[in-house]
Each structure stands twice: as structure tokens, then as C-alpha cells.
PDB file of N, CA and C in Angstrom:
ATOM      1  N   MET A   1      -5.105  10.020 -12.108  1.00  0.00           N
ATOM      2  CA  MET A   1      -5.083   9.617 -10.711  1.00  0.00           C
ATOM      3  C   MET A   1      -6.132  10.429  -9.952  1.00  0.00           C
ATOM      4  N   ASN A   2      -6.823   9.783  -9.052  1.00  0.00           N
ATOM      5  CA  ASN A   2      -7.817  10.426  -8.197  1.00  0.00           C
ATOM      6  C   ASN A   2      -7.122  11.464  -7.311  1.00  0.00           C
ATOM      7  N   ALA A   3      -7.708  12.657  -7.198  1.00  0.00           N
ATOM      8  CA  ALA A   3      -7.104  13.731  -6.402  1.00  0.00           C
ATOM      9  C   ALA A   3      -7.021  13.378  -4.927  1.00  0.00           C
ATOM     10  N   ASP A   4      -7.860  12.439  -4.472  1.00  0.00           N
ATOM     11  CA  ASP A   4      -7.850  12.045  -3.065  1.00  0.00           C
ATOM     12  C   ASP A   4      -6.774  11.015  -2.747  1.00  0.00           C
ATOM     13  N   VAL A   5      -6.160  10.431  -3.772  1.00  0.00           N
ATOM     14  CA  VAL A   5      -5.130   9.417  -3.574  1.00  0.00           C
ATOM     15  C   VAL A   5      -3.776  10.106  -3.511  1.00  0.00           C
ATOM     16  N   LEU A   6      -3.011   9.771  -2.497  1.00  0.00           N
ATOM     17  CA  LEU A   6      -1.696  10.374  -2.297  1.00  0.00           C
ATOM     18  C   LEU A   6      -0.636   9.688  -3.135  1.00  0.00           C
ATOM     19  N   ARG A   7       0.461  10.378  -3.315  1.00  0.00           N
ATOM     20  CA  ARG A   7       1.643   9.744  -3.901  1.00  0.00           C
ATOM     21  C   ARG A   7       2.226   8.813  -2.843  1.00  0.00           C
ATOM     22  N   PRO A   8       2.867   7.727  -3.253  1.00  0.00           N
ATOM     23  CA  PRO A   8       3.390   6.776  -2.265  1.00  0.00           C
ATOM     24  C   PRO A   8       4.357   7.395  -1.250  1.00  0.00           C
ATOM     25  N   GLY A   9       5.239   8.293  -1.701  1.00  0.00           N
ATOM     26  CA  GLY A   9       6.181   8.915  -0.760  1.00  0.00           C
ATOM     27  C   GLY A   9       5.467   9.706   0.323  1.00  0.00           C
ATOM     28  N   THR A  10       4.464  10.457  -0.069  1.00  0.00           N
ATOM     29  CA  THR A  10       3.673  11.227   0.895  1.00  0.00           C
ATOM     30  C   THR A  10       2.918  10.288   1.826  1.00  0.00           C
ATOM     31  N   ALA A  11       2.386   9.211   1.268  1.00  0.00           N
ATOM     32  CA  ALA A  11       1.645   8.248   2.082  1.00  0.00           C
ATOM     33  C   ALA A  11       2.542   7.612   3.140  1.00  0.00           C
ATOM     34  N   TRP A  12       3.784   7.296   2.779  1.00  0.00           N
ATOM     35  CA  TRP A  12       4.706   6.717   3.764  1.00  0.00           C
ATOM     36  C   TRP A  12       5.014   7.712   4.877  1.00  0.00           C
ATOM     37  N   ILE A  13       5.159   8.971   4.535  1.00  0.00           N
ATOM     38  CA  ILE A  13       5.402   9.995   5.563  1.00  0.00           C
ATOM     39  C   ILE A  13       4.216  10.078   6.512  1.00  0.00           C
ATOM     40  N   LEU A  14       3.005  10.084   5.957  1.00  0.00           N
ATOM     41  CA  LEU A  14       1.813  10.119   6.807  1.00  0.00           C
ATOM     42  C   LEU A  14       1.706   8.870   7.663  1.00  0.00           C
ATOM     43  N   LEU A  15       2.084   7.724   7.108  1.00  0.00           N
ATOM     44  CA  LEU A  15       2.037   6.481   7.859  1.00  0.00           C
ATOM     45  C   LEU A  15       3.018   6.508   9.031  1.00  0.00           C
ATOM     46  N   ILE A  16       4.210   6.999   8.810  1.00  0.00           N
ATOM     47  CA  ILE A  16       5.196   7.112   9.891  1.00  0.00           C
ATOM     48  C   ILE A  16       4.682   8.073  10.955  1.00  0.00           C
ATOM     49  N   ALA A  17       4.123   9.192  10.525  1.00  0.00           N
ATOM     50  CA  ALA A  17       3.553  10.141  11.487  1.00  0.00           C
ATOM     51  C   ALA A  17       2.437   9.478  12.289  1.00  0.00           C
ATOM     52  N   ALA A  18       1.596   8.688  11.631  1.00  0.00           N
ATOM     53  CA  ALA A  18       0.515   7.980  12.330  1.00  0.00           C
ATOM     54  C   ALA A  18       1.089   7.022  13.368  1.00  0.00           C
ATOM     55  N   GLY A  19       2.163   6.333  13.028  1.00  0.00           N
ATOM     56  CA  GLY A  19       2.808   5.421  13.977  1.00  0.00           C
ATOM     57  C   GLY A  19       3.369   6.151  15.182  1.00  0.00           C
ATOM     58  N   LEU A  20       3.983   7.300  14.946  1.00  0.00           N
ATOM     59  CA  LEU A  20       4.540   8.088  16.052  1.00  0.00           C
ATOM     60  C   LEU A  20       3.429   8.662  16.934  1.00  0.00           C
ATOM     61  N   ILE A  21       2.350   9.087  16.311  1.00  0.00           N
ATOM     62  CA  ILE A  21       1.216   9.604  17.095  1.00  0.00           C
ATOM     63  C   ILE A  21       0.549   8.471  17.866  1.00  0.00           C
ATOM     64  N   ASP A  22       0.619   7.250  17.334  1.00  0.00           N
ATOM     65  CA  ASP A  22       0.116   6.088  18.063  1.00  0.00           C
ATOM     66  C   ASP A  22       0.882   5.929  19.386  1.00  0.00           C
ATOM     67  N   VAL A  23       2.171   6.192  19.355  1.00  0.00           N
ATOM     68  CA  VAL A  23       2.979   6.141  20.581  1.00  0.00           C
ATOM     69  C   VAL A  23       2.503   7.217  21.562  1.00  0.00           C
ATOM     70  N   VAL A  24       2.256   8.410  21.058  1.00  0.00           N
ATOM     71  CA  VAL A  24       1.726   9.494  21.899  1.00  0.00           C
ATOM     72  C   VAL A  24       0.393   9.077  22.506  1.00  0.00           C
ATOM     73  N   TRP A  25      -0.453   8.439  21.697  1.00  0.00           N
ATOM     74  CA  TRP A  25      -1.754   7.984  22.188  1.00  0.00           C
ATOM     75  C   TRP A  25      -1.596   7.002  23.342  1.00  0.00           C
ATOM     76  N   ALA A  26      -0.704   6.025  23.171  1.00  0.00           N
ATOM     77  CA  ALA A  26      -0.492   5.036  24.239  1.00  0.00           C
ATOM     78  C   ALA A  26       0.017   5.723  25.505  1.00  0.00           C
ATOM     79  N   LEU A  27       0.929   6.653  25.335  1.00  0.00           N
ATOM     80  CA  LEU A  27       1.477   7.391  26.474  1.00  0.00           C
ATOM     81  C   LEU A  27       0.391   8.201  27.180  1.00  0.00           C
ATOM     82  N   THR A  28      -0.420   8.915  26.412  1.00  0.00           N
ATOM     83  CA  THR A  28      -1.462   9.743  27.034  1.00  0.00           C
ATOM     84  C   THR A  28      -2.566   8.891  27.650  1.00  0.00           C
ATOM     85  N   MET A  29      -2.806   7.690  27.086  1.00  0.00           N
ATOM     86  CA  MET A  29      -3.770   6.791  27.728  1.00  0.00           C
ATOM     87  C   MET A  29      -3.282   6.392  29.110  1.00  0.00           C
ATOM     88  N   LYS A  30      -2.014   6.068  29.211  1.00  0.00           N
ATOM     89  CA  LYS A  30      -1.462   5.688  30.525  1.00  0.00           C
ATOM     90  C   LYS A  30      -1.530   6.869  31.481  1.00  0.00           C
ATOM     91  N   LEU A  31      -1.124   8.041  31.001  1.00  0.00           N
ATOM     92  CA  LEU A  31      -1.112   9.226  31.863  1.00  0.00           C
ATOM     93  C   LEU A  31      -2.510   9.691  32.244  1.00  0.00           C
ATOM     94  N   SER A  32      -3.518   9.299  31.473  1.00  0.00           N
ATOM     95  CA  SER A  32      -4.891   9.695  31.796  1.00  0.00           C
ATOM     96  C   SER A  32      -5.452   8.901  32.972  1.00  0.00           C
ATOM     97  N   GLN A  33      -4.732   7.848  33.369  1.00  0.00           N
ATOM     98  CA  GLN A  33      -5.133   6.986  34.487  1.00  0.00           C
ATOM     99  C   GLN A  33      -6.576   6.506  34.336  1.00  0.00           C
ATOM    100  N   GLY A  34      -6.795   5.787  33.239  1.00  0.00           N
ATOM    101  CA  GLY A  34      -8.130   5.249  32.990  1.00  0.00           C
ATOM    102  C   GLY A  34      -9.136   6.314  32.610  1.00  0.00           C
ATOM    103  N   TYR A  35      -8.661   7.330  31.954  1.00  0.00           N
ATOM    104  CA  TYR A  35      -9.485   8.465  31.524  1.00  0.00           C
ATOM    105  C   TYR A  35     -10.145   9.175  32.700  1.00  0.00           C
ATOM    106  N   THR A  36      -9.395   9.291  33.791  1.00  0.00           N
ATOM    107  CA  THR A  36      -9.882  10.031  34.961  1.00  0.00           C
ATOM    108  C   THR A  36      -9.214  11.392  35.089  1.00  0.00           C
ATOM    109  N   ARG A  37      -8.194  11.659  34.278  1.00  0.00           N
ATOM    110  CA  ARG A  37      -7.519  12.959  34.294  1.00  0.00           C
ATOM    111  C   ARG A  37      -7.853  13.671  32.981  1.00  0.00           C
ATOM    112  N   LEU A  38      -8.589  14.768  33.102  1.00  0.00           N
ATOM    113  CA  LEU A  38      -9.190  15.417  31.944  1.00  0.00           C
ATOM    114  C   LEU A  38      -8.177  15.816  30.879  1.00  0.00           C
ATOM    115  N   GLY A  39      -7.117  16.513  31.251  1.00  0.00           N
ATOM    116  CA  GLY A  39      -6.158  16.998  30.254  1.00  0.00           C
ATOM    117  C   GLY A  39      -5.536  15.871  29.445  1.00  0.00           C
ATOM    118  N   TRP A  40      -5.055  14.841  30.133  1.00  0.00           N
ATOM    119  CA  TRP A  40      -4.458  13.707  29.436  1.00  0.00           C
ATOM    120  C   TRP A  40      -5.503  12.942  28.632  1.00  0.00           C
ATOM    121  N   SER A  41      -6.714  12.894  29.144  1.00  0.00           N
ATOM    122  CA  SER A  41      -7.801  12.220  28.420  1.00  0.00           C
ATOM    123  C   SER A  41      -8.098  12.927  27.105  1.00  0.00           C
ATOM    124  N   VAL A  42      -8.157  14.247  27.137  1.00  0.00           N
ATOM    125  CA  VAL A  42      -8.417  15.023  25.922  1.00  0.00           C
ATOM    126  C   VAL A  42      -7.279  14.814  24.917  1.00  0.00           C
ATOM    127  N   LEU A  43      -6.031  14.864  25.393  1.00  0.00           N
ATOM    128  CA  LEU A  43      -4.892  14.634  24.496  1.00  0.00           C
ATOM    129  C   LEU A  43      -4.918  13.224  23.915  1.00  0.00           C
ATOM    130  N   SER A  44      -5.371  12.265  24.709  1.00  0.00           N
ATOM    131  CA  SER A  44      -5.463  10.893  24.228  1.00  0.00           C
ATOM    132  C   SER A  44      -6.476  10.779  23.088  1.00  0.00           C
ATOM    133  N   VAL A  45      -7.634  11.368  23.256  1.00  0.00           N
ATOM    134  CA  VAL A  45      -8.667  11.309  22.220  1.00  0.00           C
ATOM    135  C   VAL A  45      -8.212  12.056  20.962  1.00  0.00           C
ATOM    136  N   ILE A  46      -7.567  13.195  21.139  1.00  0.00           N
ATOM    137  CA  ILE A  46      -7.054  13.945  19.984  1.00  0.00           C
ATOM    138  C   ILE A  46      -6.005  13.123  19.246  1.00  0.00           C
ATOM    139  N   SER A  47      -5.116  12.470  19.986  1.00  0.00           N
ATOM    140  CA  SER A  47      -4.094  11.622  19.369  1.00  0.00           C
ATOM    141  C   SER A  47      -4.733  10.469  18.598  1.00  0.00           C
ATOM    142  N   LEU A  48      -5.748   9.874  19.184  1.00  0.00           N
ATOM    143  CA  LEU A  48      -6.458   8.775  18.529  1.00  0.00           C
ATOM    144  C   LEU A  48      -7.060   9.232  17.198  1.00  0.00           C
ATOM    145  N   ILE A  49      -7.748  10.339  17.231  1.00  0.00           N
ATOM    146  CA  ILE A  49      -8.358  10.872  16.006  1.00  0.00           C
ATOM    147  C   ILE A  49      -7.287  11.177  14.965  1.00  0.00           C
ATOM    148  N   ALA A  50      -6.179  11.777  15.413  1.00  0.00           N
ATOM    149  CA  ALA A  50      -5.114  12.153  14.484  1.00  0.00           C
ATOM    150  C   ALA A  50      -4.493  10.938  13.807  1.00  0.00           C
ATOM    151  N   PHE A  51      -4.156   9.904  14.585  1.00  0.00           N
ATOM    152  CA  PHE A  51      -3.492   8.777  13.940  1.00  0.00           C
ATOM    153  C   PHE A  51      -4.441   7.975  13.065  1.00  0.00           C
ATOM    154  N   VAL A  52      -5.695   7.886  13.438  1.00  0.00           N
ATOM    155  CA  VAL A  52      -6.657   7.177  12.588  1.00  0.00           C
ATOM    156  C   VAL A  52      -6.836   7.927  11.264  1.00  0.00           C
ATOM    157  N   TRP A  53      -6.922   9.241  11.323  1.00  0.00           N
ATOM    158  CA  TRP A  53      -7.070  10.031  10.092  1.00  0.00           C
ATOM    159  C   TRP A  53      -5.832   9.880   9.207  1.00  0.00           C
ATOM    160  N   LEU A  54      -4.634  10.014   9.797  1.00  0.00           N
ATOM    161  CA  LEU A  54      -3.406   9.881   9.011  1.00  0.00           C
ATOM    162  C   LEU A  54      -3.277   8.489   8.411  1.00  0.00           C
ATOM    163  N   LEU A  55      -3.586   7.465   9.192  1.00  0.00           N
ATOM    164  CA  LEU A  55      -3.536   6.096   8.680  1.00  0.00           C
ATOM    165  C   LEU A  55      -4.513   5.929   7.521  1.00  0.00           C
ATOM    166  N   GLY A  56      -5.706   6.441   7.671  1.00  0.00           N
ATOM    167  CA  GLY A  56      -6.692   6.358   6.594  1.00  0.00           C
ATOM    168  C   GLY A  56      -6.224   7.043   5.327  1.00  0.00           C
ATOM    169  N   ARG A  57      -5.611   8.198   5.472  1.00  0.00           N
ATOM    170  CA  ARG A  57      -5.089   8.907   4.292  1.00  0.00           C
ATOM    171  C   ARG A  57      -3.966   8.101   3.635  1.00  0.00           C
ATOM    172  N   ALA A  58      -3.075   7.555   4.450  1.00  0.00           N
ATOM    173  CA  ALA A  58      -1.964   6.765   3.899  1.00  0.00           C
ATOM    174  C   ALA A  58      -2.474   5.549   3.139  1.00  0.00           C
ATOM    175  N   LEU A  59      -3.569   4.967   3.600  1.00  0.00           N
ATOM    176  CA  LEU A  59      -4.106   3.772   2.955  1.00  0.00           C
ATOM    177  C   LEU A  59      -4.700   4.049   1.577  1.00  0.00           C
ATOM    178  N   THR A  60      -4.850   5.307   1.202  1.00  0.00           N
ATOM    179  CA  THR A  60      -5.312   5.595  -0.155  1.00  0.00           C
ATOM    180  C   THR A  60      -4.249   5.259  -1.189  1.00  0.00           C
ATOM    181  N   ALA A  61      -2.986   5.129  -0.747  1.00  0.00           N
ATOM    182  CA  ALA A  61      -1.908   4.876  -1.702  1.00  0.00           C
ATOM    183  C   ALA A  61      -1.060   3.650  -1.370  1.00  0.00           C
ATOM    184  N   LEU A  62      -1.246   3.071  -0.202  1.00  0.00           N
ATOM    185  CA  LEU A  62      -0.390   1.961   0.219  1.00  0.00           C
ATOM    186  C   LEU A  62      -1.205   0.685   0.380  1.00  0.00           C
ATOM    187  N   PRO A  63      -0.552  -0.457   0.206  1.00  0.00           N
ATOM    188  CA  PRO A  63      -1.243  -1.724   0.451  1.00  0.00           C
ATOM    189  C   PRO A  63      -1.620  -1.837   1.931  1.00  0.00           C
ATOM    190  N   VAL A  64      -2.842  -2.236   2.210  1.00  0.00           N
ATOM    191  CA  VAL A  64      -3.345  -2.238   3.580  1.00  0.00           C
ATOM    192  C   VAL A  64      -2.527  -3.160   4.489  1.00  0.00           C
ATOM    193  N   GLY A  65      -2.136  -4.320   4.003  1.00  0.00           N
ATOM    194  CA  GLY A  65      -1.383  -5.253   4.845  1.00  0.00           C
ATOM    195  C   GLY A  65      -0.041  -4.696   5.277  1.00  0.00           C
ATOM    196  N   SER A  66       0.704  -4.171   4.326  1.00  0.00           N
ATOM    197  CA  SER A  66       2.015  -3.602   4.643  1.00  0.00           C
ATOM    198  C   SER A  66       1.878  -2.363   5.514  1.00  0.00           C
ATOM    199  N   ALA A  67       0.958  -1.489   5.156  1.00  0.00           N
ATOM    200  CA  ALA A  67       0.793  -0.244   5.902  1.00  0.00           C
ATOM    201  C   ALA A  67       0.383  -0.518   7.344  1.00  0.00           C
ATOM    202  N   TYR A  68      -0.559  -1.422   7.534  1.00  0.00           N
ATOM    203  CA  TYR A  68      -1.019  -1.726   8.889  1.00  0.00           C
ATOM    204  C   TYR A  68       0.100  -2.346   9.719  1.00  0.00           C
ATOM    205  N   ALA A  69       0.870  -3.227   9.112  1.00  0.00           N
ATOM    206  CA  ALA A  69       1.977  -3.853   9.825  1.00  0.00           C
ATOM    207  C   ALA A  69       3.040  -2.826  10.216  1.00  0.00           C
ATOM    208  N   VAL A  70       3.348  -1.929   9.302  1.00  0.00           N
ATOM    209  CA  VAL A  70       4.342  -0.892   9.606  1.00  0.00           C
ATOM    210  C   VAL A  70       3.816   0.027  10.701  1.00  0.00           C
ATOM    211  N   TRP A  71       2.572   0.450  10.590  1.00  0.00           N
ATOM    212  CA  TRP A  71       1.986   1.338  11.603  1.00  0.00           C
ATOM    213  C   TRP A  71       2.004   0.689  12.991  1.00  0.00           C
ATOM    214  N   THR A  72       1.541  -0.540  13.073  1.00  0.00           N
ATOM    215  CA  THR A  72       1.523  -1.197  14.376  1.00  0.00           C
ATOM    216  C   THR A  72       2.933  -1.457  14.887  1.00  0.00           C
ATOM    217  N   GLY A  73       3.857  -1.729  13.983  1.00  0.00           N
ATOM    218  CA  GLY A  73       5.245  -1.947  14.385  1.00  0.00           C
ATOM    219  C   GLY A  73       5.873  -0.697  14.984  1.00  0.00           C
ATOM    220  N   ILE A  74       5.644   0.433  14.335  1.00  0.00           N
ATOM    221  CA  ILE A  74       6.157   1.698  14.873  1.00  0.00           C
ATOM    222  C   ILE A  74       5.543   1.951  16.247  1.00  0.00           C
ATOM    223  N   GLY A  75       4.242   1.747  16.346  1.00  0.00           N
ATOM    224  CA  GLY A  75       3.564   1.965  17.627  1.00  0.00           C
ATOM    225  C   GLY A  75       4.079   1.038  18.708  1.00  0.00           C
ATOM    226  N   ALA A  76       4.232  -0.243  18.373  1.00  0.00           N
ATOM    227  CA  ALA A  76       4.680  -1.217  19.371  1.00  0.00           C
ATOM    228  C   ALA A  76       6.110  -0.954  19.810  1.00  0.00           C
ATOM    229  N   ALA A  77       7.014  -0.792  18.856  1.00  0.00           N
ATOM    230  CA  ALA A  77       8.416  -0.562  19.201  1.00  0.00           C
ATOM    231  C   ALA A  77       8.586   0.765  19.943  1.00  0.00           C
ATOM    232  N   GLY A  78       7.933   1.790  19.447  1.00  0.00           N
ATOM    233  CA  GLY A  78       8.041   3.099  20.092  1.00  0.00           C
ATOM    234  C   GLY A  78       7.488   3.099  21.503  1.00  0.00           C
ATOM    235  N   THR A  79       6.386   2.399  21.706  1.00  0.00           N
ATOM    236  CA  THR A  79       5.770   2.354  23.030  1.00  0.00           C
ATOM    237  C   THR A  79       6.643   1.578  24.015  1.00  0.00           C
ATOM    238  N   VAL A  80       7.264   0.506  23.570  1.00  0.00           N
ATOM    239  CA  VAL A  80       8.181  -0.233  24.445  1.00  0.00           C
ATOM    240  C   VAL A  80       9.335   0.678  24.874  1.00  0.00           C
ATOM    241  N   LEU A  81       9.905   1.395  23.925  1.00  0.00           N
ATOM    242  CA  LEU A  81      11.051   2.257  24.246  1.00  0.00           C
ATOM    243  C   LEU A  81      10.649   3.437  25.129  1.00  0.00           C
ATOM    244  N   ILE A  82       9.542   4.079  24.821  1.00  0.00           N
ATOM    245  CA  ILE A  82       9.069   5.208  25.629  1.00  0.00           C
ATOM    246  C   ILE A  82       8.669   4.732  27.026  1.00  0.00           C
ATOM    247  N   GLY A  83       8.042   3.567  27.112  1.00  0.00           N
ATOM    248  CA  GLY A  83       7.677   3.012  28.409  1.00  0.00           C
ATOM    249  C   GLY A  83       8.896   2.790  29.283  1.00  0.00           C
ATOM    250  N   SER A  84       9.969   2.379  28.671  1.00  0.00           N
ATOM    251  CA  SER A  84      11.211   2.181  29.411  1.00  0.00           C
ATOM    252  C   SER A  84      11.778   3.502  29.915  1.00  0.00           C
ATOM    253  N   VAL A  85      11.810   4.489  29.038  1.00  0.00           N
ATOM    254  CA  VAL A  85      12.394   5.788  29.393  1.00  0.00           C
ATOM    255  C   VAL A  85      11.542   6.523  30.432  1.00  0.00           C
ATOM    256  N   LEU A  86      10.233   6.595  30.207  1.00  0.00           N
ATOM    257  CA  LEU A  86       9.373   7.413  31.059  1.00  0.00           C
ATOM    258  C   LEU A  86       8.850   6.696  32.303  1.00  0.00           C
ATOM    259  N   PHE A  87       8.667   5.384  32.210  1.00  0.00           N
ATOM    260  CA  PHE A  87       8.029   4.672  33.312  1.00  0.00           C
ATOM    261  C   PHE A  87       8.925   3.609  33.938  1.00  0.00           C
ATOM    262  N   GLY A  88      10.165   3.533  33.482  1.00  0.00           N
ATOM    263  CA  GLY A  88      11.101   2.579  34.060  1.00  0.00           C
ATOM    264  C   GLY A  88      10.768   1.133  33.762  1.00  0.00           C
ATOM    265  N   GLU A  89      10.000   0.878  32.712  1.00  0.00           N
ATOM    266  CA  GLU A  89       9.672  -0.493  32.348  1.00  0.00           C
ATOM    267  C   GLU A  89      10.938  -1.204  31.862  1.00  0.00           C
ATOM    268  N   ALA A  90      11.074  -2.454  32.229  1.00  0.00           N
ATOM    269  CA  ALA A  90      12.301  -3.205  31.953  1.00  0.00           C
ATOM    270  C   ALA A  90      12.531  -3.380  30.456  1.00  0.00           C
ATOM    271  N   LEU A  91      13.782  -3.179  30.071  1.00  0.00           N
ATOM    272  CA  LEU A  91      14.204  -3.483  28.703  1.00  0.00           C
ATOM    273  C   LEU A  91      15.113  -4.700  28.787  1.00  0.00           C
ATOM    274  N   THR A  92      14.516  -5.855  28.880  1.00  0.00           N
ATOM    275  CA  THR A  92      15.276  -7.100  28.968  1.00  0.00           C
ATOM    276  C   THR A  92      15.822  -7.458  27.588  1.00  0.00           C
ATOM    277  N   PRO A  93      16.801  -8.343  27.556  1.00  0.00           N
ATOM    278  CA  PRO A  93      17.304  -8.775  26.247  1.00  0.00           C
ATOM    279  C   PRO A  93      16.200  -9.324  25.336  1.00  0.00           C
ATOM    280  N   MET A  94      15.246 -10.034  25.909  1.00  0.00           N
ATOM    281  CA  MET A  94      14.150 -10.576  25.088  1.00  0.00           C
ATOM    282  C   MET A  94      13.264  -9.463  24.538  1.00  0.00           C
ATOM    283  N   ARG A  95      12.971  -8.458  25.346  1.00  0.00           N
ATOM    284  CA  ARG A  95      12.159  -7.337  24.848  1.00  0.00           C
ATOM    285  C   ARG A  95      12.902  -6.580  23.757  1.00  0.00           C
ATOM    286  N   LEU A  96      14.200  -6.362  23.963  1.00  0.00           N
ATOM    287  CA  LEU A  96      14.997  -5.687  22.938  1.00  0.00           C
ATOM    288  C   LEU A  96      15.061  -6.514  21.662  1.00  0.00           C
ATOM    289  N   ALA A  97      15.173  -7.816  21.801  1.00  0.00           N
ATOM    290  CA  ALA A  97      15.165  -8.685  20.619  1.00  0.00           C
ATOM    291  C   ALA A  97      13.825  -8.576  19.900  1.00  0.00           C
ATOM    292  N   GLY A  98      12.747  -8.528  20.654  1.00  0.00           N
ATOM    293  CA  GLY A  98      11.424  -8.366  20.049  1.00  0.00           C
ATOM    294  C   GLY A  98      11.311  -7.061  19.285  1.00  0.00           C
ATOM    295  N   VAL A  99      11.792  -5.973  19.887  1.00  0.00           N
ATOM    296  CA  VAL A  99      11.777  -4.676  19.203  1.00  0.00           C
ATOM    297  C   VAL A  99      12.631  -4.748  17.945  1.00  0.00           C
ATOM    298  N   GLY A 100      13.773  -5.403  18.043  1.00  0.00           N
ATOM    299  CA  GLY A 100      14.635  -5.560  16.867  1.00  0.00           C
ATOM    300  C   GLY A 100      13.942  -6.309  15.742  1.00  0.00           C
ATOM    301  N   LEU A 101      13.196  -7.341  16.090  1.00  0.00           N
ATOM    302  CA  LEU A 101      12.451  -8.093  15.073  1.00  0.00           C
ATOM    303  C   LEU A 101      11.346  -7.239  14.449  1.00  0.00           C
ATOM    304  N   VAL A 102      10.685  -6.438  15.270  1.00  0.00           N
ATOM    305  CA  VAL A 102       9.646  -5.544  14.743  1.00  0.00           C
ATOM    306  C   VAL A 102      10.263  -4.551  13.756  1.00  0.00           C
ATOM    307  N   VAL A 103      11.381  -3.949  14.142  1.00  0.00           N
ATOM    308  CA  VAL A 103      12.043  -2.978  13.261  1.00  0.00           C
ATOM    309  C   VAL A 103      12.516  -3.665  11.987  1.00  0.00           C
ATOM    310  N   ALA A 104      13.060  -4.861  12.105  1.00  0.00           N
ATOM    311  CA  ALA A 104      13.499  -5.604  10.901  1.00  0.00           C
ATOM    312  C   ALA A 104      12.300  -5.870   9.992  1.00  0.00           C
ATOM    313  N   GLY A 105      11.167  -6.216  10.571  1.00  0.00           N
ATOM    314  CA  GLY A 105       9.963  -6.437   9.777  1.00  0.00           C
ATOM    315  C   GLY A 105       9.522  -5.187   9.055  1.00  0.00           C
ATOM    316  N   ILE A 106       9.594  -4.048   9.742  1.00  0.00           N
ATOM    317  CA  ILE A 106       9.231  -2.770   9.118  1.00  0.00           C
ATOM    318  C   ILE A 106      10.131  -2.489   7.917  1.00  0.00           C
ATOM    319  N   VAL A 107      11.421  -2.711   8.092  1.00  0.00           N
ATOM    320  CA  VAL A 107      12.374  -2.465   6.997  1.00  0.00           C
ATOM    321  C   VAL A 107      12.047  -3.360   5.804  1.00  0.00           C
ATOM    322  N   VAL A 108      11.773  -4.624   6.070  1.00  0.00           N
ATOM    323  CA  VAL A 108      11.456  -5.553   4.980  1.00  0.00           C
ATOM    324  C   VAL A 108      10.164  -5.128   4.283  1.00  0.00           C
ATOM    325  N   LEU A 109       9.137  -4.813   5.051  1.00  0.00           N
ATOM    326  CA  LEU A 109       7.878  -4.413   4.443  1.00  0.00           C
ATOM    327  C   LEU A 109       8.003  -3.112   3.661  1.00  0.00           C
ATOM    328  N   ARG A 110       8.786  -2.193   4.163  1.00  0.00           N
ATOM    329  CA  ARG A 110       8.955  -0.903   3.475  1.00  0.00           C
ATOM    330  C   ARG A 110       9.687  -1.095   2.141  1.00  0.00           C
ATOM    331  N   SER A 111      10.598  -2.039   2.112  1.00  0.00           N
ATOM    332  CA  SER A 111      11.384  -2.239   0.887  1.00  0.00           C
ATOM    333  C   SER A 111      10.715  -3.196  -0.099  1.00  0.00           C
ATOM    334  N   ALA A 112       9.650  -3.850   0.328  1.00  0.00           N
ATOM    335  CA  ALA A 112       8.984  -4.844  -0.551  1.00  0.00           C
ATOM    336  C   ALA A 112       8.098  -4.162  -1.569  1.00  0.00           C
TER     337      ALA A 112
END
């Protein structure tokens, strides 16, 4: 096995971390107010670099389609929930159903 290729278990951990950092990135982008607030802007760029690097590392061992879907699902679901908690964005039954479908998709892809 190539030394640069991760074991699948490690790759999944990195992928989950990339998804969670994607949520941080979305949050810091909003807080940067269009990249006009320096501190939040710097954190946003650092978050972007971090999740792209982690995603790239995870892709050395995982199928790109499944990994990308899981990563975006974590980011999307997490951002909806964080947006609700921090910014008072509505969590309507339809939005919650959408998050539920995203999470169900992640579970299916992870087990496939």
C-alpha cells in the first residue's frame, strides 16, 4: 500500500472532521460580513484551507462520490442547525425533513 494512502477508518474520521470544519467555514463566512471583518475573514480562510486539505487526504482512501456526498451532507445539515441556533433561522418542518433526508443519505452512503 502507498504510504500516502490512508486506511479507510482514518479516512472516514478525516472526512467527518472536514465536514465539521465546513460548518465552521460557513459560520465564519457569515460572521466576516462579506470579508469586511479581518478576524472572522482570517478564520474563514483558515477553515477553508483546513477542510479542503482534510477532504483531499480522505479521498486517498475513499470513493470520491460517497466521500463528497457525505462531506457536503455534514456541511449542509450542520450549517442549517447552527444557523438556527446562532442566527435564529427558522427550523420549519420542511427544513427538518430535509436535514433528516441528508442524514439518512449519509448513513446509507457510509454503510454502502
